[in-house]
Protein backbone atom coordinates (compact mmCIF):
# COMPACT_ATOMS: atom_id res chain seq x y z
CA UNK A 1 1.72 -1.83 -33.51
CA UNK A 2 4.04 1.11 -32.99
CA UNK A 3 5.43 2.74 -29.86
CA UNK A 4 3.72 6.07 -29.11
CA UNK A 5 4.06 8.71 -26.47
CA UNK A 6 1.41 11.15 -25.27
CA UNK A 7 2.69 14.21 -23.46
CA UNK A 8 0.30 16.55 -21.71
CA UNK A 9 0.32 19.41 -19.24
CA UNK A 10 -2.19 19.42 -16.44
CA UNK A 11 -2.68 20.24 -12.79
CA UNK A 12 -0.27 18.50 -10.46
CA UNK A 13 -2.82 16.29 -8.70
CA UNK A 14 -2.27 12.64 -7.70
CA UNK A 15 -5.88 11.76 -8.58
CA UNK A 16 -5.18 12.53 -12.25
CA UNK A 17 -2.78 9.60 -12.58
CA UNK A 18 -5.62 7.16 -11.86
CA UNK A 19 -7.97 8.92 -14.25
CA UNK A 20 -5.51 8.73 -17.16
CA UNK A 21 -4.53 5.13 -16.46
CA UNK A 22 -8.23 4.22 -16.44
CA UNK A 23 -8.52 5.57 -20.00
CA UNK A 24 -5.73 3.21 -21.12
CA UNK A 25 -6.94 0.18 -19.17
CA UNK A 26 -10.49 0.44 -20.54
CA UNK A 27 -9.05 0.22 -24.05
CA UNK A 28 -6.66 -2.58 -23.05
CA UNK A 29 -3.61 -0.63 -24.18
CA UNK A 30 -0.27 -1.75 -22.79
CA UNK A 31 1.46 1.20 -21.09
CA UNK A 32 5.24 0.71 -21.21
CA UNK A 33 6.32 3.81 -19.28
CA UNK A 34 4.75 6.62 -17.30
CA UNK A 35 6.51 9.71 -15.99
CA UNK A 36 5.74 13.04 -14.41
CA UNK A 37 7.77 16.25 -14.35
CA UNK A 38 6.80 19.14 -12.12
CA UNK A 39 6.65 22.46 -14.03
CA UNK A 40 5.69 24.73 -11.15
CA UNK A 41 3.80 24.54 -7.86
CA UNK A 42 0.46 23.89 -9.58
CA UNK A 43 1.20 22.23 -12.93
CA UNK A 44 3.09 19.24 -14.25
CA UNK A 45 3.90 17.42 -17.46
CA UNK A 46 2.75 13.81 -17.73
CA UNK A 47 4.30 11.44 -20.27
CA UNK A 48 2.72 8.08 -21.10
CA UNK A 49 4.47 5.66 -23.47
CA UNK A 50 2.51 2.79 -24.96
CA UNK A 51 2.18 0.43 -27.94
CA UNK A 52 -0.87 0.74 -30.18
CA UNK A 53 -2.16 0.99 -33.71
CA UNK A 54 -2.23 4.51 -35.17
CA UNK A 55 -6.03 4.82 -34.98
CA UNK A 56 -6.03 3.69 -31.34
CA UNK A 57 -3.28 6.17 -30.42
CA UNK A 58 -5.19 9.02 -32.04
CA UNK A 59 -8.37 8.01 -30.20
CA UNK A 60 -6.49 7.94 -26.89
CA UNK A 61 -5.17 11.45 -27.56
CA UNK A 62 -8.70 12.69 -28.26
CA UNK A 63 -9.98 11.07 -25.07
CA UNK A 64 -7.23 12.65 -22.98
CA UNK A 65 -7.82 16.07 -24.57
CA UNK A 66 -11.47 15.87 -23.48
CA UNK A 67 -10.47 15.76 -19.83
CA UNK A 68 -11.29 19.02 -18.03
CA UNK A 69 -7.88 19.54 -16.43
CA UNK A 70 -5.75 19.20 -19.59
CA UNK A 71 -4.07 22.38 -20.82
CA UNK A 72 -2.15 20.93 -23.76
CA UNK A 73 -1.66 17.41 -25.16
CA UNK A 74 0.31 15.98 -28.08
CA UNK A 75 0.97 12.57 -29.62
CA UNK A 76 4.50 11.58 -30.63
CA UNK A 77 5.67 8.45 -32.45
CA UNK A 78 8.48 7.06 -30.28
CA UNK A 79 11.84 6.18 -31.78
CA UNK A 80 11.96 2.74 -30.09
């Protein structure tokens, strides 16, 4: 397993945190860090760090990109 990070921009809504964490918990992926940075009054950047196999990380990115409120999402291999 490798450390990965998914960064995505979405609406700044508290309900979204639960929706994204549900995606990870259903796949039994261990989230090591979660952060949020406000971009403006309506939007924010979410960052989720986790450990997974490459195929699982790519599947998680696809699942997150399918969410209606996502504007942009990318997968990064962490340097940890």
